[in-house]
Amino acid sequence: MVSMRKLVLTGVAAGGLELARRFLRGRMKARRGPSEWFAVTVALDSGELSGPDRPPELAWLAERHEVRVRPAPGGRGSEIALRRPSGRDRELLRGLKQRLETGEALRGEGQPEGRASGRLRAGGLPGLRPLARRSGAGPAGQR
């Protein structure tokens, strides 16, 4: 005959497995959604971003991706969203936002200061020398 203790433990284990299955299924669904769309908010009316007068970068993106232009929440302009963009397309959309709002797009080019790792120098051994700023360098790279 089966003891009451075994029945309770079996029930608890089965319930725990069901909860774990539901939890994991919910997490998998949540992971799919946010990565599909990439959106930026632009301080312009959505009418200026559609039709034949739209910016050429937006037209180029619309030829390659599903593009959604709609009013931004809270009346803050328009939201431009791309479905499944590559890293290059995300960068292009960020640059488009900057150009539309300020008239220019800023780009960071390389590291402004620092030293190469010890492995790149002849005879250098990484980790033996403490890292430090160059003498005379103040905050924000002022010299």
C-alpha atoms as a PDB file:
ATOM      1  CA  MET A   1       0.000   0.000   0.000  1.00  0.00           C
ATOM      2  CA  VAL A   2       1.224   3.535  -0.839  1.00  0.00           C
ATOM      3  CA  SER A   3       1.893   5.747   2.151  1.00  0.00           C
ATOM      4  CA  MET A   4       0.350   9.160   2.502  1.00  0.00           C
ATOM      5  CA  ARG A   5       3.820  10.719   2.636  1.00  0.00           C
ATOM      6  CA  LYS A   6       4.718   9.336  -0.829  1.00  0.00           C
ATOM      7  CA  LEU A   7       1.443  10.641  -2.273  1.00  0.00           C
ATOM      8  CA  VAL A   8       2.071  14.131  -0.897  1.00  0.00           C
ATOM      9  CA  LEU A   9       5.662  14.216  -2.154  1.00  0.00           C
ATOM     10  CA  THR A  10       4.575  13.032  -5.605  1.00  0.00           C
ATOM     11  CA  GLY A  11       1.907  15.739  -5.753  1.00  0.00           C
ATOM     12  CA  VAL A  12       4.311  18.454  -4.680  1.00  0.00           C
ATOM     13  CA  ALA A  13       6.895  17.333  -7.246  1.00  0.00           C
ATOM     14  CA  ALA A  14       4.329  17.237 -10.054  1.00  0.00           C
ATOM     15  CA  GLY A  15       3.038  20.682  -9.097  1.00  0.00           C
ATOM     16  CA  GLY A  16       6.579  22.058  -8.971  1.00  0.00           C
ATOM     17  CA  LEU A  17       7.337  20.728 -12.433  1.00  0.00           C
ATOM     18  CA  GLU A  18       4.173  22.329 -13.811  1.00  0.00           C
ATOM     19  CA  LEU A  19       5.054  25.685 -12.225  1.00  0.00           C
ATOM     20  CA  ALA A  20       8.595  25.514 -13.637  1.00  0.00           C
ATOM     21  CA  ARG A  21       7.245  24.685 -17.096  1.00  0.00           C
ATOM     22  CA  ARG A  22       4.815  27.640 -17.008  1.00  0.00           C
ATOM     23  CA  PHE A  23       7.513  29.987 -15.734  1.00  0.00           C
ATOM     24  CA  LEU A  24       9.996  29.014 -18.448  1.00  0.00           C
ATOM     25  CA  ARG A  25       7.366  29.186 -21.173  1.00  0.00           C
ATOM     26  CA  GLY A  26       6.464  32.713 -20.036  1.00  0.00           C
ATOM     27  CA  ARG A  27      10.120  33.789 -20.059  1.00  0.00           C
ATOM     28  CA  MET A  28      10.637  32.461 -23.584  1.00  0.00           C
ATOM     29  CA  LYS A  29       7.669  34.460 -24.868  1.00  0.00           C
ATOM     30  CA  ALA A  30       8.890  37.609 -23.139  1.00  0.00           C
ATOM     31  CA  ARG A  31      12.345  37.292 -24.731  1.00  0.00           C
ATOM     32  CA  ARG A  32      10.985  37.161 -28.277  1.00  0.00           C
ATOM     33  CA  GLY A  33       8.997  40.414 -28.219  1.00  0.00           C
ATOM     34  CA  PRO A  34      11.366  43.234 -27.197  1.00  0.00           C
ATOM     35  CA  SER A  35      14.174  42.301 -29.591  1.00  0.00           C
ATOM     36  CA  GLU A  36      11.972  42.392 -32.693  1.00  0.00           C
ATOM     37  CA  TRP A  37      11.429  46.165 -32.830  1.00  0.00           C
ATOM     38  CA  PHE A  38      13.926  48.993 -32.349  1.00  0.00           C
ATOM     39  CA  ALA A  39      12.338  52.423 -31.880  1.00  0.00           C
ATOM     40  CA  VAL A  40      13.466  56.010 -31.452  1.00  0.00           C
ATOM     41  CA  THR A  41      11.367  59.059 -30.603  1.00  0.00           C
ATOM     42  CA  VAL A  42      11.818  62.092 -32.833  1.00  0.00           C
ATOM     43  CA  ALA A  43      10.586  65.607 -32.000  1.00  0.00           C
ATOM     44  CA  LEU A  44       8.719  65.955 -35.322  1.00  0.00           C
ATOM     45  CA  ASP A  45       5.160  65.431 -36.526  1.00  0.00           C
ATOM     46  CA  SER A  46       4.554  62.006 -38.096  1.00  0.00           C
ATOM     47  CA  GLY A  47       3.294  63.729 -41.268  1.00  0.00           C
ATOM     48  CA  GLU A  48       6.804  65.063 -41.906  1.00  0.00           C
ATOM     49  CA  LEU A  49       8.204  61.525 -41.815  1.00  0.00           C
ATOM     50  CA  SER A  50       5.867  59.907 -44.337  1.00  0.00           C
ATOM     51  CA  GLY A  51       5.086  60.408 -47.986  1.00  0.00           C
ATOM     52  CA  PRO A  52       7.379  61.597 -50.764  1.00  0.00           C
ATOM     53  CA  ASP A  53       9.062  64.261 -48.600  1.00  0.00           C
ATOM     54  CA  ARG A  54      10.409  61.824 -46.033  1.00  0.00           C
ATOM     55  CA  PRO A  55      14.164  61.814 -45.352  1.00  0.00           C
ATOM     56  CA  PRO A  56      16.215  59.651 -47.754  1.00  0.00           C
ATOM     57  CA  GLU A  57      17.677  57.565 -44.894  1.00  0.00           C
ATOM     58  CA  LEU A  58      14.158  56.658 -43.777  1.00  0.00           C
ATOM     59  CA  ALA A  59      13.210  55.725 -47.346  1.00  0.00           C
ATOM     60  CA  TRP A  60      16.309  53.514 -47.594  1.00  0.00           C
ATOM     61  CA  LEU A  61      15.407  51.770 -44.322  1.00  0.00           C
ATOM     62  CA  ALA A  62      11.790  51.319 -45.460  1.00  0.00           C
ATOM     63  CA  GLU A  63      12.983  49.460 -48.555  1.00  0.00           C
ATOM     64  CA  ARG A  64      14.879  46.935 -46.421  1.00  0.00           C
ATOM     65  CA  HIS A  65      12.775  46.652 -43.238  1.00  0.00           C
ATOM     66  CA  GLU A  66       9.255  46.978 -41.970  1.00  0.00           C
ATOM     67  CA  VAL A  67       9.113  50.589 -40.706  1.00  0.00           C
ATOM     68  CA  ARG A  68       6.411  51.895 -38.386  1.00  0.00           C
ATOM     69  CA  VAL A  69       5.923  55.663 -37.944  1.00  0.00           C
ATOM     70  CA  ARG A  70       3.297  56.709 -35.427  1.00  0.00           C
ATOM     71  CA  PRO A  71       2.696  59.459 -32.847  1.00  0.00           C
ATOM     72  CA  ALA A  72       4.848  59.015 -29.756  1.00  0.00           C
ATOM     73  CA  PRO A  73       3.173  58.473 -26.389  1.00  0.00           C
ATOM     74  CA  GLY A  74       2.403  61.632 -24.459  1.00  0.00           C
ATOM     75  CA  GLY A  75       2.474  63.897 -27.526  1.00  0.00           C
ATOM     76  CA  ARG A  76       6.293  63.978 -27.642  1.00  0.00           C
ATOM     77  CA  GLY A  77       6.584  63.865 -31.429  1.00  0.00           C
ATOM     78  CA  SER A  78       6.785  60.693 -33.499  1.00  0.00           C
ATOM     79  CA  GLU A  79       8.092  57.205 -32.955  1.00  0.00           C
ATOM     80  CA  ILE A  80      10.055  55.521 -35.761  1.00  0.00           C
ATOM     81  CA  ALA A  81      10.371  51.762 -35.288  1.00  0.00           C
ATOM     82  CA  LEU A  82      12.278  49.170 -37.344  1.00  0.00           C
ATOM     83  CA  ARG A  83      11.501  45.479 -37.259  1.00  0.00           C
ATOM     84  CA  ARG A  84      14.564  43.241 -36.766  1.00  0.00           C
ATOM     85  CA  PRO A  85      17.278  45.763 -37.680  1.00  0.00           C
ATOM     86  CA  SER A  86      20.970  44.968 -37.907  1.00  0.00           C
ATOM     87  CA  GLY A  87      23.511  46.915 -35.871  1.00  0.00           C
ATOM     88  CA  ARG A  88      24.295  49.088 -38.886  1.00  0.00           C
ATOM     89  CA  ASP A  89      20.608  49.922 -39.351  1.00  0.00           C
ATOM     90  CA  ARG A  90      20.244  50.833 -35.668  1.00  0.00           C
ATOM     91  CA  GLU A  91      23.196  53.181 -36.004  1.00  0.00           C
ATOM     92  CA  LEU A  92      21.657  54.713 -39.127  1.00  0.00           C
ATOM     93  CA  LEU A  93      18.351  55.270 -37.315  1.00  0.00           C
ATOM     94  CA  ARG A  94      20.113  56.937 -34.365  1.00  0.00           C
ATOM     95  CA  GLY A  95      22.007  59.191 -36.797  1.00  0.00           C
ATOM     96  CA  LEU A  96      18.738  60.036 -38.573  1.00  0.00           C
ATOM     97  CA  LYS A  97      17.209  61.066 -35.233  1.00  0.00           C
ATOM     98  CA  GLN A  98      20.169  63.350 -34.529  1.00  0.00           C
ATOM     99  CA  ARG A  99      20.060  64.925 -37.995  1.00  0.00           C
ATOM    100  CA  LEU A 100      16.312  65.545 -37.818  1.00  0.00           C
ATOM    101  CA  GLU A 101      16.475  67.146 -34.382  1.00  0.00           C
ATOM    102  CA  THR A 102      19.786  69.048 -34.474  1.00  0.00           C
ATOM    103  CA  GLY A 103      20.804  69.211 -38.123  1.00  0.00           C
ATOM    104  CA  GLU A 104      23.956  67.112 -37.636  1.00  0.00           C
ATOM    105  CA  ALA A 105      24.956  63.648 -36.432  1.00  0.00           C
ATOM    106  CA  LEU A 106      27.805  63.176 -33.995  1.00  0.00           C
ATOM    107  CA  ARG A 107      30.167  60.222 -34.300  1.00  0.00           C
ATOM    108  CA  GLY A 108      32.660  58.920 -31.816  1.00  0.00           C
ATOM    109  CA  GLU A 109      35.910  57.965 -33.524  1.00  0.00           C
ATOM    110  CA  GLY A 110      38.243  55.776 -31.542  1.00  0.00           C
ATOM    111  CA  GLN A 111      39.610  56.084 -28.056  1.00  0.00           C
ATOM    112  CA  PRO A 112      40.783  59.621 -27.196  1.00  0.00           C
ATOM    113  CA  GLU A 113      43.558  58.517 -24.823  1.00  0.00           C
ATOM    114  CA  GLY A 114      45.108  55.422 -23.353  1.00  0.00           C
ATOM    115  CA  ARG A 115      47.867  52.953 -24.013  1.00  0.00           C
ATOM    116  CA  ALA A 116      48.148  49.735 -25.957  1.00  0.00           C
ATOM    117  CA  SER A 117      48.112  46.532 -23.947  1.00  0.00           C
ATOM    118  CA  GLY A 118      51.453  45.061 -22.827  1.00  0.00           C
ATOM    119  CA  ARG A 119      51.112  42.165 -25.268  1.00  0.00           C
ATOM    120  CA  LEU A 120      51.474  44.534 -28.200  1.00  0.00           C
ATOM    121  CA  ARG A 121      54.784  45.974 -27.019  1.00  0.00           C
ATOM    122  CA  ALA A 122      58.018  44.076 -27.603  1.00  0.00           C
ATOM    123  CA  GLY A 123      59.121  42.410 -24.390  1.00  0.00           C
ATOM    124  CA  GLY A 124      56.194  43.751 -22.383  1.00  0.00           C
ATOM    125  CA  LEU A 125      54.418  41.515 -19.911  1.00  0.00           C
ATOM    126  CA  PRO A 126      50.783  42.351 -19.233  1.00  0.00           C
ATOM    127  CA  GLY A 127      49.745  42.881 -15.648  1.00  0.00           C
ATOM    128  CA  LEU A 128      53.153  43.819 -14.206  1.00  0.00           C
ATOM    129  CA  ARG A 129      52.808  47.585 -14.562  1.00  0.00           C
ATOM    130  CA  PRO A 130      49.939  49.477 -12.854  1.00  0.00           C
ATOM    131  CA  LEU A 131      47.742  51.531 -15.172  1.00  0.00           C
ATOM    132  CA  ALA A 132      47.886  55.304 -14.670  1.00  0.00           C
ATOM    133  CA  ARG A 133      47.033  58.494 -16.517  1.00  0.00           C
ATOM    134  CA  ARG A 134      49.771  60.342 -18.311  1.00  0.00           C
ATOM    135  CA  SER A 135      51.301  63.122 -16.258  1.00  0.00           C
ATOM    136  CA  GLY A 136      49.693  66.463 -16.889  1.00  0.00           C
ATOM    137  CA  ALA A 137      46.363  64.994 -17.961  1.00  0.00           C
ATOM    138  CA  GLY A 138      43.480  66.469 -16.022  1.00  0.00           C
ATOM    139  CA  PRO A 139      39.858  65.439 -15.927  1.00  0.00           C
ATOM    140  CA  ALA A 140      38.167  64.925 -19.298  1.00  0.00           C
ATOM    141  CA  GLY A 141      41.518  64.684 -21.054  1.00  0.00           C
ATOM    142  CA  GLN A 142      42.572  68.336 -20.529  1.00  0.00           C
ATOM    143  CA  ARG A 143      46.302  68.984 -20.782  1.00  0.00           C
END
